[in-house]
Each structure stands twice: as C-alpha cells, then as structure tokens.
Amino acid sequence: MNFRTKQARMASAAIGALAATILAVSTTPASAAASDGYISGAGSIYDDFGDEGTLSTTSYSSSSATCFWQNVLYAEGAMKNSEYRFAKSDIDGEFGSKTKFATRNLQSRWGLTIDGIVGKGTMSKLDAKRTWLPDVDGGVWTGHLKYERTTDTGLIVATYYGKYHSFDVWRADSGRWHFEDVSTGAYRKASYSENDC
C-alpha cells in the first residue's frame, strides 16, 4: 500500500467517525423526552409532540403517556371497533387492542401510515395550531392545540380540540406536559414510566 492510499483511507475513516459522532450527538429529541420520563417540550407549544417517544402495545404500553393518547382518541371520536367510538370508560393507560384499533382508525382519518403505533408522524398531528379560517366553507376551525394563557407561575395553559370533545393540557416551567383525564376529571402528568390513569 502506498502512502497516498493509506492517507486516503485514514481521511475516509476520520470522516466516517466524524459523521458517526454527529449522528450520535444529534440523537432525536424523542428518545431524550422518553428517557426523561415525560412528554415534554420547550419554546413554542406547537412543536412539542412530534419528537416524543413511541407508544404501542410493546412500547410504554402501560403509562400516563398512553392515558394522554387515549384522551386524544376520545376527543377525536376514534372508532374502537367497527361499531363504537372510543369512550371515557376505555381510558385506562393500557395500550391494548381497543387503543390500537382506535389509533389505526384515527391514522386513517388523518391520512397517515396505518400501523396502530403512535410514533413521530402520528404525535406530530397534535402540534397543529388551532386556527379559524373564515373564508373556507363559511368558516371552519383547523388544527388541534390552542394556547390559552401563561400563568403567573409560568404554566402554559392550552386546550386540545378534537373532532368531538376537548380537554385541558398545560406545560409546567420544567417543560413537562400535564393533562385533564376526561374519564375522571383528575389532572395527570404525561409520564412514560408510571400509569396513574
């Protein structure tokens, strides 16, 4: 092997190592949020949900984060089977067959990949800012999340509007999201590691 070939290989290896380092450092916020233990965010509330951990029958399947997602399914009126909509009584923080079916139903309605898994694409739909469009069909609402106010203690209060129902959400100054559990009226932390639903 001549000197130039050896230099080229070393340069190529260095570039590869640099690329690997950059990829490792820029880990997706989803794993960072899930490893923090809570659905969380910073800055604008309209980009907090699309970088969260995956919810499914095998990932955070028993958690308050799943309970949060079930509140979304209820608010959206997603079908839990071929006859009935997801109900308040279905909200238990367990990602079972009803939650998977309802997730697939909502993914279909939203024009997403239908896999029954709440990944980045599905969660990012929650980031859509609620806006009134007066010039469309006599006026329509679009989006789901509406900023309401910031309290004196730094809580950012918002409302999630689904197709059929709405519920309160808020982000603490720690960045952690909390939500109103519509099945009980209790307020819960959107935790990946515990299920108090």
N, C-alpha and C. Protein backbone atom coordinates (compact mmCIF):
# COMPACT_ATOMS: atom_id res chain seq x y z
N MET A 1 0.86 -1.17 0.00
CA MET A 1 0.00 0.00 0.00
C MET A 1 0.91 1.23 0.00
N ASN A 2 0.63 2.15 -0.91
CA ASN A 2 1.47 3.34 -0.96
C ASN A 2 0.96 4.39 0.04
N PHE A 3 1.74 5.42 0.23
CA PHE A 3 1.47 6.44 1.24
C PHE A 3 0.15 7.17 0.97
N ARG A 4 -0.14 7.51 -0.31
CA ARG A 4 -1.37 8.24 -0.64
C ARG A 4 -2.62 7.39 -0.37
N THR A 5 -2.56 6.11 -0.67
CA THR A 5 -3.70 5.24 -0.42
C THR A 5 -3.96 5.15 1.08
N LYS A 6 -2.89 5.03 1.85
CA LYS A 6 -3.03 4.96 3.30
C LYS A 6 -3.63 6.26 3.84
N GLN A 7 -3.17 7.42 3.32
CA GLN A 7 -3.73 8.71 3.74
C GLN A 7 -5.21 8.82 3.37
N ALA A 8 -5.57 8.38 2.19
CA ALA A 8 -6.96 8.44 1.75
C ALA A 8 -7.84 7.59 2.66
N ARG A 9 -7.35 6.40 3.01
CA ARG A 9 -8.13 5.52 3.90
C ARG A 9 -8.26 6.15 5.29
N MET A 10 -7.20 6.75 5.78
CA MET A 10 -7.26 7.37 7.10
C MET A 10 -8.22 8.57 7.08
N ALA A 11 -8.19 9.36 6.02
CA ALA A 11 -9.08 10.51 5.89
C ALA A 11 -10.53 10.03 5.80
N SER A 12 -10.75 8.97 5.04
CA SER A 12 -12.09 8.41 4.91
C SER A 12 -12.60 7.89 6.26
N ALA A 13 -11.73 7.24 7.01
CA ALA A 13 -12.10 6.73 8.34
C ALA A 13 -12.41 7.90 9.28
N ALA A 14 -11.62 8.98 9.20
CA ALA A 14 -11.85 10.14 10.05
C ALA A 14 -13.19 10.80 9.73
N ILE A 15 -13.52 10.89 8.44
CA ILE A 15 -14.80 11.48 8.04
C ILE A 15 -15.95 10.60 8.52
N GLY A 16 -15.78 9.29 8.40
CA GLY A 16 -16.80 8.36 8.88
C GLY A 16 -17.01 8.48 10.38
N ALA A 17 -15.91 8.59 11.12
CA ALA A 17 -16.00 8.74 12.58
C ALA A 17 -16.68 10.06 12.94
N LEU A 18 -16.35 11.12 12.20
CA LEU A 18 -16.98 12.42 12.45
C LEU A 18 -18.48 12.35 12.18
N ALA A 19 -18.87 11.71 11.09
CA ALA A 19 -20.29 11.57 10.77
C ALA A 19 -21.01 10.77 11.85
N ALA A 20 -20.39 9.71 12.33
CA ALA A 20 -20.99 8.90 13.39
C ALA A 20 -21.15 9.71 14.67
N THR A 21 -20.15 10.53 14.98
CA THR A 21 -20.21 11.37 16.17
C THR A 21 -21.33 12.39 16.05
N ILE A 22 -21.47 13.00 14.89
CA ILE A 22 -22.53 13.99 14.68
C ILE A 22 -23.89 13.33 14.83
N LEU A 23 -24.06 12.15 14.25
CA LEU A 23 -25.33 11.44 14.38
C LEU A 23 -25.60 11.07 15.83
N ALA A 24 -24.59 10.67 16.56
CA ALA A 24 -24.78 10.28 17.96
C ALA A 24 -25.13 11.49 18.81
N VAL A 25 -24.51 12.63 18.54
CA VAL A 25 -24.77 13.83 19.32
C VAL A 25 -26.16 14.38 19.02
N SER A 26 -26.60 14.23 17.77
CA SER A 26 -27.91 14.77 17.41
C SER A 26 -28.99 13.71 17.55
N THR A 27 -28.96 12.99 18.67
CA THR A 27 -29.98 12.00 18.95
C THR A 27 -31.34 12.66 18.90
N THR A 28 -32.33 11.95 18.42
CA THR A 28 -33.65 12.55 18.30
C THR A 28 -34.17 12.95 19.66
N PRO A 29 -34.86 14.07 19.72
CA PRO A 29 -35.44 14.50 20.97
C PRO A 29 -36.44 13.49 21.52
N ALA A 30 -36.99 12.62 20.66
CA ALA A 30 -37.96 11.63 21.13
C ALA A 30 -37.34 10.75 22.19
N SER A 31 -36.15 10.23 21.92
CA SER A 31 -35.54 9.37 22.91
C SER A 31 -35.15 10.18 24.14
N ALA A 32 -34.78 11.43 23.93
CA ALA A 32 -34.44 12.28 25.07
C ALA A 32 -35.67 12.54 25.92
N ALA A 33 -36.82 12.81 25.29
CA ALA A 33 -38.04 13.06 26.04
C ALA A 33 -38.50 11.81 26.77
N ALA A 34 -38.48 10.68 26.09
CA ALA A 34 -38.90 9.43 26.73
C ALA A 34 -37.95 9.05 27.86
N SER A 35 -36.66 9.25 27.65
CA SER A 35 -35.70 8.89 28.70
C SER A 35 -35.81 9.84 29.90
N ASP A 36 -36.32 11.06 29.66
CA ASP A 36 -36.58 11.99 30.75
C ASP A 36 -37.78 11.52 31.57
N GLY A 37 -38.60 10.67 30.97
CA GLY A 37 -39.73 10.10 31.68
C GLY A 37 -41.06 10.78 31.46
N TYR A 38 -41.09 11.87 30.68
CA TYR A 38 -42.32 12.63 30.50
C TYR A 38 -42.44 13.14 29.08
N ILE A 39 -43.67 13.33 28.61
CA ILE A 39 -43.89 14.09 27.39
C ILE A 39 -43.51 15.52 27.76
N SER A 40 -42.60 16.10 27.01
CA SER A 40 -42.10 17.42 27.40
C SER A 40 -41.75 18.26 26.18
N GLY A 41 -41.48 19.52 26.44
CA GLY A 41 -41.11 20.42 25.37
C GLY A 41 -40.54 21.71 25.92
N ALA A 42 -40.19 22.60 24.99
CA ALA A 42 -39.64 23.91 25.34
C ALA A 42 -39.96 24.87 24.21
N GLY A 43 -39.94 26.14 24.50
CA GLY A 43 -40.22 27.13 23.46
C GLY A 43 -41.68 27.08 23.06
N SER A 44 -41.95 27.13 21.76
CA SER A 44 -43.30 27.10 21.25
C SER A 44 -44.00 25.78 21.60
N ILE A 45 -45.27 25.86 21.97
CA ILE A 45 -46.02 24.63 22.26
C ILE A 45 -46.40 23.90 20.97
N TYR A 46 -46.24 24.54 19.84
CA TYR A 46 -46.68 23.97 18.57
C TYR A 46 -45.63 23.07 17.92
N ASP A 47 -44.61 22.70 18.67
CA ASP A 47 -43.65 21.72 18.16
C ASP A 47 -43.19 20.75 19.25
N ASP A 48 -44.02 20.56 20.26
CA ASP A 48 -43.65 19.73 21.41
C ASP A 48 -43.93 18.24 21.24
N PHE A 49 -44.89 17.86 20.43
CA PHE A 49 -45.34 16.47 20.44
C PHE A 49 -44.72 15.59 19.36
N GLY A 50 -44.28 16.16 18.27
CA GLY A 50 -43.76 15.37 17.16
C GLY A 50 -42.43 14.70 17.41
N ASP A 51 -41.79 15.00 18.53
CA ASP A 51 -40.48 14.40 18.82
C ASP A 51 -40.53 13.52 20.07
N GLU A 52 -41.69 12.97 20.35
CA GLU A 52 -41.86 12.16 21.56
C GLU A 52 -41.56 10.69 21.31
N GLY A 53 -41.53 9.94 22.40
CA GLY A 53 -41.31 8.50 22.33
C GLY A 53 -42.50 7.81 21.69
N THR A 54 -42.30 6.59 21.23
CA THR A 54 -43.33 5.80 20.57
C THR A 54 -44.22 5.10 21.60
N LEU A 55 -45.52 5.17 21.36
CA LEU A 55 -46.49 4.45 22.18
C LEU A 55 -47.08 3.32 21.34
N SER A 56 -47.13 2.12 21.90
CA SER A 56 -47.69 0.96 21.19
C SER A 56 -47.98 -0.15 22.19
N THR A 57 -48.36 -1.29 21.70
CA THR A 57 -48.62 -2.44 22.57
C THR A 57 -47.33 -2.95 23.20
N THR A 58 -46.18 -2.54 22.65
CA THR A 58 -44.89 -3.01 23.18
C THR A 58 -44.00 -1.89 23.70
N SER A 59 -44.42 -0.64 23.56
CA SER A 59 -43.59 0.49 23.97
C SER A 59 -44.42 1.46 24.82
N TYR A 60 -44.05 1.59 26.10
CA TYR A 60 -44.78 2.44 27.05
C TYR A 60 -46.27 2.10 27.05
N SER A 61 -46.55 0.80 26.98
CA SER A 61 -47.93 0.33 26.83
C SER A 61 -48.77 0.51 28.10
N SER A 62 -48.16 0.69 29.24
CA SER A 62 -48.88 0.96 30.48
C SER A 62 -48.28 2.21 31.09
N SER A 63 -48.87 3.36 30.74
CA SER A 63 -48.27 4.63 31.17
C SER A 63 -49.29 5.76 31.12
N SER A 64 -48.97 6.83 31.80
CA SER A 64 -49.81 8.02 31.72
C SER A 64 -49.67 8.70 30.36
N ALA A 65 -48.56 8.45 29.66
CA ALA A 65 -48.42 8.95 28.29
C ALA A 65 -49.45 8.27 27.39
N THR A 66 -49.67 6.97 27.61
CA THR A 66 -50.72 6.26 26.87
C THR A 66 -52.09 6.80 27.27
N CYS A 67 -52.28 7.09 28.55
CA CYS A 67 -53.53 7.69 29.03
C CYS A 67 -53.78 9.02 28.30
N PHE A 68 -52.74 9.83 28.17
CA PHE A 68 -52.84 11.09 27.42
C PHE A 68 -53.32 10.80 26.00
N TRP A 69 -52.70 9.82 25.34
CA TRP A 69 -53.07 9.48 23.96
C TRP A 69 -54.53 9.01 23.90
N GLN A 70 -54.97 8.25 24.89
CA GLN A 70 -56.35 7.79 24.91
C GLN A 70 -57.32 8.96 25.06
N ASN A 71 -56.93 10.01 25.75
CA ASN A 71 -57.75 11.22 25.82
C ASN A 71 -57.89 11.84 24.44
N VAL A 72 -56.80 11.81 23.66
CA VAL A 72 -56.85 12.30 22.28
C VAL A 72 -57.83 11.44 21.46
N LEU A 73 -57.74 10.11 21.60
CA LEU A 73 -58.64 9.22 20.86
C LEU A 73 -60.10 9.51 21.20
N TYR A 74 -60.37 9.74 22.49
CA TYR A 74 -61.73 10.07 22.91
C TYR A 74 -62.16 11.42 22.31
N ALA A 75 -61.30 12.43 22.42
CA ALA A 75 -61.64 13.76 21.90
C ALA A 75 -61.89 13.72 20.39
N GLU A 76 -61.14 12.87 19.69
CA GLU A 76 -61.30 12.77 18.24
C GLU A 76 -62.47 11.88 17.83
N GLY A 77 -63.03 11.12 18.78
CA GLY A 77 -64.13 10.22 18.43
C GLY A 77 -63.67 9.06 17.58
N ALA A 78 -62.44 8.61 17.78
CA ALA A 78 -61.91 7.49 17.00
C ALA A 78 -62.71 6.23 17.31
N MET A 79 -62.89 5.39 16.33
CA MET A 79 -63.64 4.15 16.50
C MET A 79 -62.75 3.11 17.18
N LYS A 80 -63.28 2.47 18.26
CA LYS A 80 -62.51 1.44 18.97
C LYS A 80 -62.77 0.05 18.40
N ASN A 81 -63.82 -0.07 17.60
CA ASN A 81 -64.14 -1.28 16.85
C ASN A 81 -65.06 -0.85 15.72
N SER A 82 -65.66 -1.78 15.04
CA SER A 82 -66.46 -1.40 13.87
C SER A 82 -67.78 -0.71 14.24
N GLU A 83 -68.16 -0.70 15.52
CA GLU A 83 -69.45 -0.13 15.90
C GLU A 83 -69.38 1.09 16.81
N TYR A 84 -68.39 1.15 17.69
CA TYR A 84 -68.41 2.16 18.75
C TYR A 84 -67.18 3.05 18.77
N ARG A 85 -67.40 4.28 19.20
CA ARG A 85 -66.31 5.24 19.37
C ARG A 85 -65.57 4.96 20.68
N PHE A 86 -64.31 5.41 20.73
CA PHE A 86 -63.52 5.31 21.96
C PHE A 86 -64.23 6.11 23.03
N ALA A 87 -64.49 5.50 24.18
CA ALA A 87 -65.29 6.13 25.24
C ALA A 87 -64.42 6.51 26.44
N LYS A 88 -64.98 7.34 27.30
CA LYS A 88 -64.29 7.69 28.55
C LYS A 88 -63.92 6.44 29.33
N SER A 89 -64.80 5.45 29.35
CA SER A 89 -64.55 4.22 30.10
C SER A 89 -63.40 3.39 29.52
N ASP A 90 -62.97 3.69 28.32
CA ASP A 90 -61.84 2.98 27.69
C ASP A 90 -60.50 3.57 28.10
N ILE A 91 -60.50 4.71 28.76
CA ILE A 91 -59.26 5.39 29.15
C ILE A 91 -58.73 4.76 30.43
N ASP A 92 -57.64 4.00 30.28
CA ASP A 92 -57.06 3.30 31.43
C ASP A 92 -55.52 3.30 31.44
N GLY A 93 -54.92 3.94 30.44
CA GLY A 93 -53.46 3.98 30.38
C GLY A 93 -52.83 2.71 29.87
N GLU A 94 -53.64 1.77 29.38
CA GLU A 94 -53.14 0.50 28.85
C GLU A 94 -53.32 0.49 27.33
N PHE A 95 -52.22 0.33 26.59
CA PHE A 95 -52.29 0.32 25.13
C PHE A 95 -52.63 -1.09 24.67
N GLY A 96 -53.93 -1.40 24.69
CA GLY A 96 -54.41 -2.72 24.29
C GLY A 96 -55.05 -2.70 22.92
N SER A 97 -55.87 -3.71 22.66
CA SER A 97 -56.47 -3.87 21.33
C SER A 97 -57.41 -2.72 20.95
N LYS A 98 -58.19 -2.20 21.92
CA LYS A 98 -59.09 -1.08 21.61
C LYS A 98 -58.31 0.17 21.24
N THR A 99 -57.24 0.43 22.00
CA THR A 99 -56.41 1.61 21.73
C THR A 99 -55.71 1.47 20.38
N LYS A 100 -55.23 0.28 20.08
CA LYS A 100 -54.57 0.05 18.78
C LYS A 100 -55.56 0.23 17.64
N PHE A 101 -56.76 -0.34 17.76
CA PHE A 101 -57.78 -0.20 16.72
C PHE A 101 -58.13 1.27 16.52
N ALA A 102 -58.37 1.98 17.64
CA ALA A 102 -58.74 3.40 17.56
C ALA A 102 -57.61 4.23 16.96
N THR A 103 -56.37 3.88 17.29
CA THR A 103 -55.21 4.59 16.72
C THR A 103 -55.18 4.39 15.21
N ARG A 104 -55.38 3.16 14.76
CA ARG A 104 -55.42 2.88 13.31
C ARG A 104 -56.54 3.68 12.65
N ASN A 105 -57.71 3.74 13.31
CA ASN A 105 -58.83 4.48 12.76
C ASN A 105 -58.50 5.95 12.61
N LEU A 106 -57.87 6.53 13.63
CA LEU A 106 -57.50 7.95 13.59
C LEU A 106 -56.40 8.20 12.56
N GLN A 107 -55.43 7.30 12.47
CA GLN A 107 -54.38 7.44 11.46
C GLN A 107 -54.98 7.45 10.05
N SER A 108 -55.98 6.61 9.83
CA SER A 108 -56.66 6.58 8.54
C SER A 108 -57.34 7.92 8.26
N ARG A 109 -58.05 8.43 9.25
CA ARG A 109 -58.76 9.70 9.08
C ARG A 109 -57.79 10.84 8.82
N TRP A 110 -56.62 10.81 9.49
CA TRP A 110 -55.64 11.87 9.34
C TRP A 110 -54.74 11.68 8.12
N GLY A 111 -54.92 10.61 7.35
CA GLY A 111 -54.12 10.38 6.15
C GLY A 111 -52.69 9.94 6.44
N LEU A 112 -52.49 9.24 7.55
CA LEU A 112 -51.15 8.79 7.95
C LEU A 112 -50.97 7.30 7.63
N THR A 113 -49.75 6.81 7.79
CA THR A 113 -49.49 5.38 7.71
C THR A 113 -50.32 4.69 8.79
N ILE A 114 -51.06 3.67 8.40
CA ILE A 114 -51.96 2.98 9.33
C ILE A 114 -51.24 1.77 9.91
N ASP A 115 -50.67 1.96 11.11
CA ASP A 115 -49.93 0.86 11.75
C ASP A 115 -50.32 0.64 13.21
N GLY A 116 -51.17 1.50 13.77
CA GLY A 116 -51.59 1.34 15.15
C GLY A 116 -50.52 1.69 16.16
N ILE A 117 -49.45 2.33 15.70
CA ILE A 117 -48.34 2.74 16.55
C ILE A 117 -48.31 4.26 16.59
N VAL A 118 -48.20 4.82 17.78
CA VAL A 118 -48.16 6.28 17.92
C VAL A 118 -46.71 6.72 17.91
N GLY A 119 -46.20 6.97 16.69
CA GLY A 119 -44.83 7.42 16.52
C GLY A 119 -44.79 8.91 16.24
N LYS A 120 -43.68 9.35 15.71
CA LYS A 120 -43.48 10.79 15.45
C LYS A 120 -44.54 11.38 14.52
N GLY A 121 -44.85 10.68 13.43
CA GLY A 121 -45.82 11.20 12.47
C GLY A 121 -47.19 11.38 13.08
N THR A 122 -47.61 10.42 13.88
CA THR A 122 -48.93 10.49 14.49
C THR A 122 -48.95 11.56 15.58
N MET A 123 -47.96 11.56 16.47
CA MET A 123 -47.93 12.55 17.55
C MET A 123 -47.77 13.97 17.02
N SER A 124 -47.09 14.14 15.90
CA SER A 124 -46.87 15.50 15.39
C SER A 124 -48.18 16.16 14.98
N LYS A 125 -49.22 15.39 14.72
CA LYS A 125 -50.52 15.97 14.38
C LYS A 125 -51.08 16.78 15.55
N LEU A 126 -50.66 16.48 16.77
CA LEU A 126 -51.13 17.20 17.94
C LEU A 126 -50.55 18.61 18.01
N ASP A 127 -49.46 18.85 17.30
CA ASP A 127 -48.80 20.16 17.30
C ASP A 127 -49.55 21.22 16.50
N ALA A 128 -50.51 20.81 15.69
CA ALA A 128 -51.19 21.74 14.79
C ALA A 128 -51.94 22.83 15.57
N LYS A 129 -51.60 24.07 15.29
CA LYS A 129 -52.21 25.22 15.96
C LYS A 129 -53.67 25.36 15.52
N ARG A 130 -54.55 25.53 16.48
CA ARG A 130 -55.98 25.71 16.18
C ARG A 130 -56.18 27.12 15.63
N THR A 131 -56.78 27.18 14.44
CA THR A 131 -56.94 28.44 13.74
C THR A 131 -58.32 28.50 13.08
N TRP A 132 -58.93 29.66 13.13
CA TRP A 132 -60.22 29.87 12.47
C TRP A 132 -59.96 30.36 11.05
N LEU A 133 -60.55 29.68 10.08
CA LEU A 133 -60.43 30.08 8.68
C LEU A 133 -61.80 30.56 8.20
N PRO A 134 -62.07 31.87 8.27
CA PRO A 134 -63.41 32.39 7.97
C PRO A 134 -63.81 32.26 6.50
N ASP A 135 -62.84 32.15 5.60
CA ASP A 135 -63.15 32.13 4.18
C ASP A 135 -63.30 30.73 3.59
N VAL A 136 -63.24 29.71 4.42
CA VAL A 136 -63.37 28.34 3.93
C VAL A 136 -64.74 27.80 4.34
N ASP A 137 -65.57 27.48 3.37
CA ASP A 137 -66.89 26.88 3.62
C ASP A 137 -67.70 27.64 4.68
N GLY A 138 -67.66 28.94 4.65
CA GLY A 138 -68.41 29.72 5.62
C GLY A 138 -67.75 29.82 6.99
N GLY A 139 -66.54 29.32 7.08
CA GLY A 139 -65.77 29.36 8.32
C GLY A 139 -65.58 27.98 8.93
N VAL A 140 -64.34 27.60 9.14
CA VAL A 140 -64.02 26.31 9.76
C VAL A 140 -62.83 26.47 10.69
N TRP A 141 -62.78 25.59 11.69
CA TRP A 141 -61.60 25.51 12.56
C TRP A 141 -60.65 24.47 11.98
N THR A 142 -59.38 24.74 12.07
CA THR A 142 -58.37 23.77 11.67
C THR A 142 -57.36 23.66 12.81
N GLY A 143 -56.68 22.54 12.90
CA GLY A 143 -55.70 22.33 13.96
C GLY A 143 -56.33 21.85 15.25
N HIS A 144 -55.50 21.53 16.23
CA HIS A 144 -55.97 20.91 17.46
C HIS A 144 -55.60 21.66 18.73
N LEU A 145 -54.43 22.27 18.78
CA LEU A 145 -53.90 22.83 20.01
C LEU A 145 -54.09 24.34 20.04
N LYS A 146 -54.70 24.83 21.11
CA LYS A 146 -54.94 26.27 21.23
C LYS A 146 -54.32 26.78 22.52
N TYR A 147 -53.41 27.72 22.37
CA TYR A 147 -52.81 28.41 23.52
C TYR A 147 -53.90 29.23 24.19
N GLU A 148 -53.99 29.13 25.53
CA GLU A 148 -54.98 29.92 26.28
C GLU A 148 -54.33 31.06 27.04
N ARG A 149 -53.28 30.73 27.82
CA ARG A 149 -52.63 31.77 28.63
C ARG A 149 -51.38 31.20 29.29
N THR A 150 -50.57 32.10 29.82
CA THR A 150 -49.44 31.73 30.67
C THR A 150 -49.73 32.29 32.06
N THR A 151 -49.67 31.45 33.07
CA THR A 151 -49.99 31.88 34.44
C THR A 151 -48.82 32.64 35.05
N ASP A 152 -49.07 33.25 36.20
CA ASP A 152 -48.02 33.96 36.93
C ASP A 152 -46.88 33.03 37.35
N THR A 153 -47.20 31.75 37.52
CA THR A 153 -46.17 30.79 37.93
C THR A 153 -45.46 30.13 36.76
N GLY A 154 -45.78 30.55 35.53
CA GLY A 154 -45.08 30.05 34.34
C GLY A 154 -45.73 28.87 33.64
N LEU A 155 -46.89 28.42 34.12
CA LEU A 155 -47.59 27.34 33.42
C LEU A 155 -48.14 27.85 32.10
N ILE A 156 -47.93 27.10 31.05
CA ILE A 156 -48.54 27.42 29.76
C ILE A 156 -49.79 26.57 29.64
N VAL A 157 -50.94 27.22 29.61
CA VAL A 157 -52.23 26.53 29.58
C VAL A 157 -52.74 26.52 28.14
N ALA A 158 -53.20 25.36 27.70
CA ALA A 158 -53.72 25.21 26.34
C ALA A 158 -54.91 24.26 26.38
N THR A 159 -55.59 24.16 25.26
CA THR A 159 -56.70 23.23 25.12
C THR A 159 -56.46 22.40 23.88
N TYR A 160 -56.69 21.08 24.01
CA TYR A 160 -56.66 20.19 22.84
C TYR A 160 -58.09 20.04 22.35
N TYR A 161 -58.31 20.41 21.09
CA TYR A 161 -59.64 20.29 20.49
C TYR A 161 -59.64 19.14 19.50
N GLY A 162 -60.47 18.14 19.80
CA GLY A 162 -60.68 17.04 18.88
C GLY A 162 -61.92 17.30 18.04
N LYS A 163 -62.29 16.33 17.24
CA LYS A 163 -63.47 16.46 16.40
C LYS A 163 -64.75 16.50 17.23
N TYR A 164 -64.78 15.78 18.37
CA TYR A 164 -65.98 15.68 19.18
C TYR A 164 -65.88 16.31 20.57
N HIS A 165 -64.69 16.31 21.15
CA HIS A 165 -64.52 16.80 22.53
C HIS A 165 -63.20 17.57 22.64
N SER A 166 -63.02 18.20 23.78
CA SER A 166 -61.77 18.90 24.06
C SER A 166 -61.34 18.60 25.49
N PHE A 167 -60.08 18.86 25.80
CA PHE A 167 -59.61 18.71 27.17
C PHE A 167 -58.43 19.65 27.40
N ASP A 168 -58.22 19.98 28.67
CA ASP A 168 -57.17 20.92 29.05
C ASP A 168 -55.81 20.23 29.11
N VAL A 169 -54.80 20.93 28.68
CA VAL A 169 -53.41 20.49 28.81
C VAL A 169 -52.60 21.68 29.28
N TRP A 170 -51.49 21.44 29.94
CA TRP A 170 -50.61 22.53 30.30
C TRP A 170 -49.19 22.02 30.43
N ARG A 171 -48.26 22.95 30.16
CA ARG A 171 -46.84 22.65 30.26
C ARG A 171 -46.26 23.44 31.41
N ALA A 172 -45.67 22.69 32.35
CA ALA A 172 -45.05 23.33 33.51
C ALA A 172 -43.76 24.01 33.09
N ASP A 173 -43.20 24.85 33.97
CA ASP A 173 -41.94 25.52 33.63
C ASP A 173 -40.79 24.53 33.48
N SER A 174 -40.97 23.29 33.97
CA SER A 174 -39.97 22.22 33.77
C SER A 174 -40.03 21.68 32.35
N GLY A 175 -41.08 22.05 31.59
CA GLY A 175 -41.27 21.55 30.23
C GLY A 175 -42.17 20.32 30.17
N ARG A 176 -42.52 19.76 31.31
CA ARG A 176 -43.34 18.55 31.34
C ARG A 176 -44.82 18.87 31.13
N TRP A 177 -45.44 18.07 30.27
CA TRP A 177 -46.85 18.25 29.98
C TRP A 177 -47.73 17.52 30.98
N HIS A 178 -48.86 18.13 31.32
CA HIS A 178 -49.90 17.57 32.17
C HIS A 178 -51.20 17.65 31.38
N PHE A 179 -52.18 16.87 31.78
CA PHE A 179 -53.43 16.88 31.06
C PHE A 179 -54.60 16.56 31.99
N GLU A 180 -55.77 16.97 31.55
CA GLU A 180 -57.00 16.64 32.25
C GLU A 180 -57.45 15.27 31.75
N ASP A 181 -57.54 14.30 32.63
CA ASP A 181 -58.05 12.97 32.28
C ASP A 181 -59.56 13.09 32.19
N VAL A 182 -60.10 13.04 30.97
CA VAL A 182 -61.54 13.26 30.80
C VAL A 182 -62.38 12.16 31.42
N SER A 183 -61.80 11.00 31.69
CA SER A 183 -62.58 9.91 32.28
C SER A 183 -62.85 10.14 33.76
N THR A 184 -61.98 10.90 34.44
CA THR A 184 -62.14 11.11 35.88
C THR A 184 -62.16 12.59 36.29
N GLY A 185 -61.71 13.47 35.42
CA GLY A 185 -61.59 14.88 35.77
C GLY A 185 -60.30 15.20 36.51
N ALA A 186 -59.50 14.17 36.79
CA ALA A 186 -58.23 14.37 37.51
C ALA A 186 -57.18 14.95 36.56
N TYR A 187 -56.19 15.60 37.13
CA TYR A 187 -55.08 16.13 36.35
C TYR A 187 -53.89 15.21 36.52
N ARG A 188 -53.23 14.88 35.42
CA ARG A 188 -52.15 13.90 35.43
C ARG A 188 -50.92 14.41 34.70
N LYS A 189 -49.75 13.91 35.12
CA LYS A 189 -48.52 14.15 34.39
C LYS A 189 -48.46 13.15 33.25
N ALA A 190 -48.02 13.58 32.09
CA ALA A 190 -47.91 12.67 30.93
C ALA A 190 -46.58 11.92 31.05
N SER A 191 -46.58 10.89 31.89
CA SER A 191 -45.38 10.14 32.22
C SER A 191 -45.26 8.86 31.39
N TYR A 192 -44.03 8.57 30.97
CA TYR A 192 -43.77 7.31 30.27
C TYR A 192 -43.55 6.16 31.25
N SER A 193 -43.15 6.48 32.47
CA SER A 193 -42.70 5.44 33.40
C SER A 193 -43.72 5.04 34.46
N GLU A 194 -44.83 5.75 34.55
CA GLU A 194 -45.85 5.36 35.53
C GLU A 194 -47.23 5.50 34.91
N ASN A 195 -48.17 4.75 35.43
CA ASN A 195 -49.54 4.81 34.96
C ASN A 195 -50.44 5.09 36.16
N ASP A 196 -50.85 6.33 36.31
CA ASP A 196 -51.76 6.67 37.40
C ASP A 196 -53.17 6.98 36.84
N CYS A 197 -53.42 6.46 35.68
CA CYS A 197 -54.67 6.72 34.98
C CYS A 197 -55.84 5.97 35.62
